[in-house]
Protein backbone atom coordinates (compact mmCIF):
# COMPACT_ATOMS: atom_id res chain seq x y z
CA UNK A 1 -0.20 -0.10 -0.02
CA UNK A 2 1.55 3.22 -0.86
CA UNK A 3 -1.12 5.66 0.97
CA UNK A 4 0.17 7.22 4.16
CA UNK A 5 -2.46 7.88 7.14
CA UNK A 6 -2.13 10.61 9.77
CA UNK A 7 -4.76 10.60 12.55
CA UNK A 8 -5.45 13.12 14.78
CA UNK A 9 -8.08 13.32 17.95
CA UNK A 10 -7.53 17.02 18.32
CA UNK A 11 -10.95 18.50 19.00
CA UNK A 12 -12.92 18.87 21.75
CA UNK A 13 -14.85 15.62 20.82
CA UNK A 14 -11.72 13.51 20.46
CA UNK A 15 -12.99 12.63 17.08
CA UNK A 16 -10.41 11.07 14.47
CA UNK A 17 -9.50 13.67 11.94
CA UNK A 18 -7.43 11.78 9.28
CA UNK A 19 -5.01 13.41 6.50
CA UNK A 20 -4.13 10.57 3.85
CA UNK A 21 -1.71 10.91 1.23
CA UNK A 22 -0.72 9.58 -1.80
CA UNK A 23 3.37 10.50 -2.03
CA UNK A 24 3.61 9.28 -5.73
CA UNK A 25 0.98 12.00 -6.76
CA UNK A 26 1.37 14.78 -4.26
CA UNK A 27 -2.51 14.51 -2.98
CA UNK A 28 -3.75 14.89 -0.03
CA UNK A 29 -7.38 13.63 1.24
CA UNK A 30 -8.90 14.67 4.19
CA UNK A 31 -11.41 12.23 6.09
CA UNK A 32 -14.03 13.61 8.85
CA UNK A 33 -12.69 17.53 9.34
CA UNK A 34 -13.66 17.46 12.90
CA UNK A 35 -10.71 20.05 13.64
CA UNK A 36 -7.85 22.14 12.37
CA UNK A 37 -4.90 22.25 14.27
CA UNK A 38 -1.89 23.44 13.45
CA UNK A 39 -0.79 19.44 13.59
CA UNK A 40 -3.36 19.07 11.10
CA UNK A 41 -2.52 21.70 8.92
CA UNK A 42 1.13 20.76 8.97
CA UNK A 43 0.44 17.01 7.83
CA UNK A 44 -1.87 18.62 4.90
CA UNK A 45 1.24 20.67 3.95
CA UNK A 46 3.69 18.22 4.18
CA UNK A 47 1.17 15.60 2.15
CA UNK A 48 0.88 18.01 -0.70
CA UNK A 49 -2.04 19.16 -2.40
CA UNK A 50 -5.36 18.65 -0.89
CA UNK A 51 -8.09 17.38 -3.16
CA UNK A 52 -10.46 15.66 -1.51
CA UNK A 53 -12.29 16.25 1.95
CA UNK A 54 -14.27 13.10 2.96
CA UNK A 55 -17.15 12.84 5.37
CA UNK A 56 -18.18 9.58 6.85
CA UNK A 57 -21.45 11.21 8.07
CA UNK A 58 -22.63 14.35 9.03
CA UNK A 59 -22.67 14.57 12.73
CA UNK A 60 -21.32 17.59 14.25
CA UNK A 61 -18.36 16.19 15.98
CA UNK A 62 -16.93 15.04 12.44
CA UNK A 63 -17.67 18.20 10.15
CA UNK A 64 -16.78 20.82 12.85
CA UNK A 65 -14.16 22.44 10.92
CA UNK A 66 -15.06 22.03 7.41
CA UNK A 67 -15.79 25.50 7.37
CA UNK A 68 -11.81 26.38 7.90
CA UNK A 69 -11.27 23.79 5.30
CA UNK A 70 -13.54 25.22 3.22
CA UNK A 71 -12.06 28.33 3.38
CA UNK A 72 -8.49 27.96 3.06
CA UNK A 73 -9.10 24.95 0.07
CA UNK A 74 -11.40 26.09 -1.78
CA UNK A 75 -10.48 23.54 -4.86
CA UNK A 76 -10.85 20.65 -2.57
CA UNK A 77 -13.82 18.69 -3.32
CA UNK A 78 -16.35 17.51 -0.57
CA UNK A 79 -17.52 13.30 -0.68
CA UNK A 80 -20.33 12.03 0.90
CA UNK A 81 -22.86 9.28 0.42
CA UNK A 82 -25.94 10.62 -0.86
CA UNK A 83 -28.25 9.50 1.67
CA UNK A 84 -26.69 11.82 4.02
CA UNK A 85 -27.13 14.60 2.39
CA UNK A 86 -30.19 15.87 4.55
CA UNK A 87 -28.11 16.03 7.67
CA UNK A 88 -25.45 17.49 5.98
CA UNK A 89 -27.72 20.47 4.89
CA UNK A 90 -29.57 20.16 8.22
CA UNK A 91 -28.20 21.85 11.14
CA UNK A 92 -31.08 20.89 13.73
CA UNK A 93 -30.45 16.75 12.02
CA UNK A 94 -26.27 17.01 12.71
CA UNK A 95 -26.44 19.08 15.95
CA UNK A 96 -24.22 21.50 15.34
CA UNK A 97 -25.62 24.30 16.94
CA UNK A 98 -26.58 22.85 20.02
CA UNK A 99 -23.34 21.16 20.40
CA UNK A 100 -20.93 23.59 18.79
CA UNK A 101 -22.50 26.98 18.80
CA UNK A 102 -22.07 27.01 14.90
CA UNK A 103 -24.59 26.32 12.31
CA UNK A 104 -23.27 24.39 10.00
CA UNK A 105 -25.09 23.40 6.62
CA UNK A 106 -22.85 22.33 3.71
CA UNK A 107 -23.78 20.45 0.65
CA UNK A 108 -21.46 17.87 -0.77
CA UNK A 109 -19.84 18.68 -4.36
CA UNK A 110 -19.66 14.68 -4.68
CA UNK A 111 -22.31 12.39 -3.25
CA UNK A 112 -21.75 8.99 -3.85
CA UNK A 113 -23.44 5.50 -4.10
CA UNK A 114 -22.49 2.10 -2.34
CA UNK A 115 -19.65 0.71 -4.54
CA UNK A 116 -18.64 3.80 -6.05
CA UNK A 117 -15.19 4.61 -6.39
CA UNK A 118 -12.88 7.84 -7.00
CA UNK A 119 -9.45 7.96 -8.16
CA UNK A 120 -6.72 8.97 -5.52
CA UNK A 121 -3.27 9.61 -6.99
CA UNK A 122 -2.07 6.09 -7.46
CA UNK A 123 -5.01 4.35 -5.35
CA UNK A 124 -8.45 3.79 -5.72
CA UNK A 125 -11.01 4.90 -2.87
CA UNK A 126 -14.29 3.00 -2.67
CA UNK A 127 -17.02 3.78 -1.06
CA UNK A 128 -19.53 1.33 1.65
CA UNK A 129 -22.52 2.74 2.59
CA UNK A 130 -23.06 1.55 6.06
CA UNK A 131 -26.54 2.93 7.37
CA UNK A 132 -27.20 2.24 11.25
CA UNK A 133 -25.61 4.85 13.17
CA UNK A 134 -26.96 7.63 10.46
CA UNK A 135 -28.87 7.00 7.26
CA UNK A 136 -26.42 7.98 4.80
CA UNK A 137 -23.11 6.74 6.80
CA UNK A 138 -20.24 5.27 4.66
CA UNK A 139 -17.00 3.82 5.03
CA UNK A 140 -13.82 4.10 2.97
CA UNK A 141 -12.00 1.34 1.55
CA UNK A 142 -8.56 1.36 -0.35
CA UNK A 143 -5.75 -1.08 0.02
CA UNK A 144 -6.84 -3.14 3.18
CA UNK A 145 -6.68 0.06 4.77
CA UNK A 146 -10.69 0.99 5.79
CA UNK A 147 -12.20 4.25 7.57
CA UNK A 148 -15.05 3.26 9.43
CA UNK A 149 -16.38 6.47 11.02
CA UNK A 150 -19.05 5.34 13.42
CA UNK A 151 -19.76 2.54 11.92
CA UNK A 152 -17.23 0.31 13.53
CA UNK A 153 -14.86 0.95 16.38
CA UNK A 154 -11.99 -1.09 18.43
CA UNK A 155 -14.25 -3.48 20.21
CA UNK A 156 -17.34 -1.53 19.81
CA UNK A 157 -19.75 -0.12 17.52
CA UNK A 158 -21.04 3.55 16.72
CA UNK A 159 -24.59 4.43 18.93
CA UNK A 160 -27.65 3.30 17.83
CA UNK A 161 -29.76 5.69 20.07
CA UNK A 162 -29.73 8.70 18.05
CA UNK A 163 -32.63 10.03 16.03
CA UNK A 164 -32.52 7.98 12.63
CA UNK A 165 -30.32 5.09 13.58
CA UNK A 166 -30.87 1.73 13.60
CA UNK A 167 -29.09 -1.43 15.25
CA UNK A 168 -30.24 -3.74 12.95
CA UNK A 169 -28.99 -1.54 9.87
CA UNK A 170 -25.69 -1.52 11.49
CA UNK A 171 -24.96 -4.48 12.21
CA UNK A 172 -26.07 -6.13 9.28
CA UNK A 173 -23.69 -3.52 7.26
CA UNK A 174 -20.65 -4.55 9.50
CA UNK A 175 -21.49 -8.53 9.05
CA UNK A 176 -22.69 -8.38 5.31
CA UNK A 177 -20.33 -5.43 4.12
CA UNK A 178 -17.11 -5.05 6.39
CA UNK A 179 -16.84 -8.42 8.06
CA UNK A 180 -16.04 -9.75 4.33
CA UNK A 181 -13.33 -7.48 3.94
CA UNK A 182 -9.23 -9.22 4.28
CA UNK A 183 -8.99 -10.01 8.46
CA UNK A 184 -5.54 -8.10 7.44
CA UNK A 185 -7.54 -4.46 6.94
CA UNK A 186 -6.24 -2.21 9.14
CA UNK A 187 -9.50 -0.26 10.33
CA UNK A 188 -9.15 3.57 11.40
CA UNK A 189 -12.60 4.65 13.30
CA UNK A 190 -14.07 7.96 13.90
CA UNK A 191 -13.19 7.84 17.56
CA UNK A 192 -10.76 5.50 19.24
CA UNK A 193 -7.81 3.25 18.08
CA UNK A 194 -7.30 1.51 15.32
CA UNK A 195 -8.01 -2.10 14.73
CA UNK A 196 -8.20 -4.97 12.09
CA UNK A 197 -11.10 -7.00 10.44
CA UNK A 198 -9.72 -9.92 11.62
CA UNK A 199 -9.92 -8.58 15.45
CA UNK A 200 -13.10 -7.08 15.47
CA UNK A 201 -14.53 -10.61 13.84
CA UNK A 202 -13.01 -12.46 16.96
CA UNK A 203 -13.24 -9.99 19.63
CA UNK A 204 -16.20 -7.66 18.91
CA UNK A 205 -19.03 -9.01 21.33
CA UNK A 206 -21.62 -6.14 19.51
CA UNK A 207 -21.62 -7.38 16.19
C-alpha cells in the first residue's frame, strides 16, 4: 500500500481526523474534518495538495472544522454519501448549533452511492454505504485500509440510540459489508484506536 495515514484527535469531541496522502501523486485527502489545528495543517502541507474532504457522516463532531477547510482549500472537493445529504444540510439534524454553537449546513460537491469509486492519485477509493449510526453513513476502503467513521470501533460500534439510527441496520452493514473484507484490513475508526477486521470479527461482542 502506498498511501500514508496520519490521525489526529485534536478536537474537543476526541474525534479522529485523518490526513491521507499519496506520495506518488502528491495528493492529500482529509477524512472527517472535525478539527483544524496546526498539526493537521502541517500534515496536509507535508503531504502535498488537498484534493478531497471526505465525510463518513454528518454529525457535528465530524464536520466541525469544515468551514475552515472550505475557506483555506477552496479547490478541494467535499465527498459524502447521497443518503447523508439531509443531515449535512440541516443544522437541527446534525446537532451542530446545539453542541458546538455553530450552524453547520454544507452541501457536498460529490455525492456517492454504495460501491462507487474515485481515483485518488495512484489509489482507488471505494465507498461502502453502512447505514445504522446515520442513514447515509459510509466507510472508505482502499488497499486493505478502511476508514470506518462511527460504524465500527475497536471492540465496539457506533451509537444507535440517536434519531435516524438503527441497531439492526448497523449490525447488518458490519457483518455483510465490512466483515467480508480481508482479516488484515486495518480499520481507522471515527473515535478511538485503530484495529483490524480480523480482530473485530473475533473479539467484538456488539456485532
